[in-house]
């Protein structure tokens, strides 16, 4: 078996094609899954050395795939890739067994560097994301809540459910002014 087998779990088809093509040009064999269900089938069928998981796959999360990958692929290295970087999800991904965590936008070189790196929890690698590194945990939380709220068209109940947070707690957080960086 080629020791450069990568499972790419990404719901953004264009991003997956671009990254997949770039990784193939770097002599990696890339298998793409656009959702958790397809990823589970591929995990059961094949062996992988590496996995790149997009944190948010539509309305689901790929965090549940980490233990499954670690259980069925002993020496696999896992990179959690997300457009919604937060300390909470970084810590959770690492606790579940991810080897690294990287914020989007990222190119193939940054993704490979994070995937192959022994240093964990890189929240960002690009200049645009350098501001994220300097943000406080409270500011990261505020930014994430705002993004999820926007995705739910301002629906507080749906946002609270998606964030696994009590609705009243979310309402209290939203009544406060934005946290300074």
Protein backbone atom coordinates (compact mmCIF):
# COMPACT_ATOMS: atom_id res chain seq x y z
CA UNK A 1 0.00 0.00 0.00
CA UNK A 2 1.17 3.52 -0.80
CA UNK A 3 2.11 5.19 2.49
CA UNK A 4 0.73 8.51 1.23
CA UNK A 5 -3.00 7.70 1.36
CA UNK A 6 -5.11 10.70 2.43
CA UNK A 7 -8.80 10.74 3.30
CA UNK A 8 -10.17 14.23 2.64
CA UNK A 9 -13.55 14.87 4.29
CA UNK A 10 -14.80 18.20 2.94
CA UNK A 11 -18.29 19.35 1.95
CA UNK A 12 -17.07 22.25 -0.20
CA UNK A 13 -16.63 20.51 -3.57
CA UNK A 14 -14.50 23.26 -5.14
CA UNK A 15 -12.12 23.50 -2.18
CA UNK A 16 -11.88 19.68 -2.09
CA UNK A 17 -11.02 19.56 -5.81
CA UNK A 18 -8.37 22.27 -5.50
CA UNK A 19 -6.72 20.76 -2.41
CA UNK A 20 -7.09 17.22 -3.74
CA UNK A 21 -5.42 18.12 -7.03
CA UNK A 22 -2.59 19.94 -5.24
CA UNK A 23 -1.97 16.94 -2.98
CA UNK A 24 -1.99 14.53 -5.93
CA UNK A 25 0.69 16.72 -7.57
CA UNK A 26 2.72 16.19 -4.39
CA UNK A 27 2.47 12.40 -4.86
CA UNK A 28 -0.35 11.73 -2.39
CA UNK A 29 -3.31 9.48 -3.21
CA UNK A 30 -6.44 11.39 -2.17
CA UNK A 31 -9.88 9.93 -1.54
CA UNK A 32 -12.66 12.49 -1.05
CA UNK A 33 -15.80 12.14 1.07
CA UNK A 34 -18.31 15.00 1.13
CA UNK A 35 -20.11 13.92 4.33
CA UNK A 36 -19.70 11.78 7.45
CA UNK A 37 -21.73 8.89 6.07
CA UNK A 38 -19.55 8.54 2.98
CA UNK A 39 -16.43 8.98 5.14
CA UNK A 40 -17.53 6.12 7.40
CA UNK A 41 -17.92 3.84 4.36
CA UNK A 42 -14.44 4.75 3.09
CA UNK A 43 -12.88 4.28 6.54
CA UNK A 44 -14.32 0.75 6.66
CA UNK A 45 -13.16 -0.10 3.12
CA UNK A 46 -9.62 1.30 2.94
CA UNK A 47 -6.53 2.08 4.97
CA UNK A 48 -5.29 5.67 5.25
CA UNK A 49 -2.10 7.20 6.57
CA UNK A 50 -3.58 10.68 6.84
CA UNK A 51 -6.98 12.31 7.21
CA UNK A 52 -7.97 15.93 6.64
CA UNK A 53 -11.34 16.64 8.20
CA UNK A 54 -13.42 19.77 7.70
CA UNK A 55 -14.96 20.50 11.10
CA UNK A 56 -18.38 21.59 9.81
CA UNK A 57 -19.99 19.37 7.21
CA UNK A 58 -23.25 21.15 6.54
CA UNK A 59 -25.35 20.58 9.67
CA UNK A 60 -23.01 17.97 11.14
CA UNK A 61 -19.54 17.87 12.61
CA UNK A 62 -16.65 15.61 11.70
CA UNK A 63 -15.42 15.34 15.30
CA UNK A 64 -17.14 11.95 15.61
CA UNK A 65 -14.92 10.60 12.82
CA UNK A 66 -11.71 11.11 14.82
CA UNK A 67 -12.16 8.17 17.26
CA UNK A 68 -13.36 5.97 14.40
CA UNK A 69 -10.25 6.78 12.36
CA UNK A 70 -7.91 6.26 15.32
CA UNK A 71 -9.55 2.93 16.14
CA UNK A 72 -9.38 1.50 12.62
CA UNK A 73 -6.12 3.10 11.44
CA UNK A 74 -3.49 2.81 14.18
CA UNK A 75 -0.82 5.23 12.94
CA UNK A 76 -3.03 7.70 11.10
CA UNK A 77 -2.31 11.43 11.41
CA UNK A 78 -5.42 13.61 11.50
CA UNK A 79 -5.71 17.31 10.68
CA UNK A 80 -8.89 19.17 11.66
CA UNK A 81 -9.48 21.98 9.17
CA UNK A 82 -12.06 24.67 9.85
CA UNK A 83 -13.34 28.04 8.80
CA UNK A 84 -14.70 28.53 12.34
CA UNK A 85 -11.61 28.22 14.50
CA UNK A 86 -12.14 28.33 18.22
CA UNK A 87 -10.20 27.21 21.25
CA UNK A 88 -13.08 24.94 22.28
CA UNK A 89 -13.16 22.96 19.05
CA UNK A 90 -9.36 22.84 18.88
CA UNK A 91 -9.17 21.37 22.38
CA UNK A 92 -11.98 18.93 21.67
CA UNK A 93 -10.42 17.77 18.38
CA UNK A 94 -7.02 17.24 20.02
CA UNK A 95 -8.60 15.39 22.98
CA UNK A 96 -10.39 13.07 20.55
CA UNK A 97 -7.09 12.28 18.82
CA UNK A 98 -6.53 14.83 16.06
CA UNK A 99 -2.85 15.56 15.56
CA UNK A 100 -3.32 19.16 14.50
CA UNK A 101 -5.89 21.91 13.92
CA UNK A 102 -5.72 24.54 11.19
CA UNK A 103 -7.95 27.49 10.29
CA UNK A 104 -9.11 28.14 6.73
CA UNK A 105 -8.25 29.63 4.36
CA UNK A 106 -5.22 27.40 3.93
CA UNK A 107 -3.36 26.20 0.88
CA UNK A 108 -1.94 22.73 0.21
CA UNK A 109 1.51 23.59 1.58
CA UNK A 110 0.06 24.89 4.86
CA UNK A 111 -2.22 21.86 5.11
CA UNK A 112 0.64 19.42 4.52
CA UNK A 113 2.89 21.27 6.97
CA UNK A 114 0.19 21.06 9.66
CA UNK A 115 -0.63 17.45 8.82
CA UNK A 116 3.00 16.33 9.02
CA UNK A 117 3.99 18.62 11.92
CA UNK A 118 4.64 17.22 15.37
CA UNK A 119 3.41 20.50 16.91
CA UNK A 120 -0.28 20.43 17.79
CA UNK A 121 -3.07 22.98 17.62
CA UNK A 122 -2.06 25.51 15.01
CA UNK A 123 -5.07 27.77 14.98
CA UNK A 124 -3.84 29.63 11.92
CA UNK A 125 -1.15 29.67 9.33
CA UNK A 126 -2.00 32.54 7.01
CA UNK A 127 -1.52 36.27 7.40
CA UNK A 128 -5.30 36.80 7.24
CA UNK A 129 -5.71 34.44 10.17
CA UNK A 130 -2.91 35.94 12.28
CA UNK A 131 -5.47 38.18 13.97
CA UNK A 132 -7.22 35.03 15.18
CA UNK A 133 -4.07 33.97 17.04
CA UNK A 134 -4.09 37.21 19.01
CA UNK A 135 -7.78 37.09 19.91
CA UNK A 136 -8.80 36.24 23.44
CA UNK A 137 -10.84 33.12 24.09
CA UNK A 138 -13.87 35.29 24.85
CA UNK A 139 -13.46 37.14 21.55
CA UNK A 140 -13.14 33.84 19.66
CA UNK A 141 -16.33 32.64 21.32
CA UNK A 142 -18.11 35.89 20.42
CA UNK A 143 -16.99 35.62 16.78
CA UNK A 144 -18.10 32.00 16.56
CA UNK A 145 -21.50 32.75 18.09
CA UNK A 146 -22.01 35.58 15.60
CA UNK A 147 -21.16 33.32 12.64
CA UNK A 148 -23.51 30.57 13.81
CA UNK A 149 -26.25 33.12 14.53
CA UNK A 150 -25.84 34.52 11.02
CA UNK A 151 -25.99 31.00 9.52
CA UNK A 152 -29.29 30.48 11.36
CA UNK A 153 -30.75 33.78 10.08
CA UNK A 154 -30.80 35.27 13.58
CA UNK A 155 -32.78 32.38 15.08
CA UNK A 156 -31.56 32.21 18.69
CA UNK A 157 -33.16 28.84 19.45
CA UNK A 158 -31.59 27.16 16.41
CA UNK A 159 -28.24 28.79 17.18
CA UNK A 160 -28.36 27.60 20.80
CA UNK A 161 -29.12 24.05 19.64
CA UNK A 162 -26.27 24.14 17.13
CA UNK A 163 -23.87 25.46 19.78
CA UNK A 164 -25.10 22.93 22.38
CA UNK A 165 -25.87 25.85 24.66
CA UNK A 166 -28.94 26.71 26.72
CA UNK A 167 -31.03 29.38 24.97
CA UNK A 168 -31.02 31.73 27.97
CA UNK A 169 -27.23 31.47 28.25
CA UNK A 170 -26.91 32.42 24.60
CA UNK A 171 -29.31 35.35 25.08
CA UNK A 172 -27.20 36.65 28.00
CA UNK A 173 -24.02 36.39 25.91
CA UNK A 174 -25.68 38.25 23.04
CA UNK A 175 -26.85 41.10 25.31
CA UNK A 176 -23.26 41.94 26.14
CA UNK A 177 -21.25 44.18 23.86
CA UNK A 178 -18.67 42.57 21.61
CA UNK A 179 -15.58 41.58 23.51
CA UNK A 180 -12.46 43.53 22.58
CA UNK A 181 -9.68 41.61 20.88
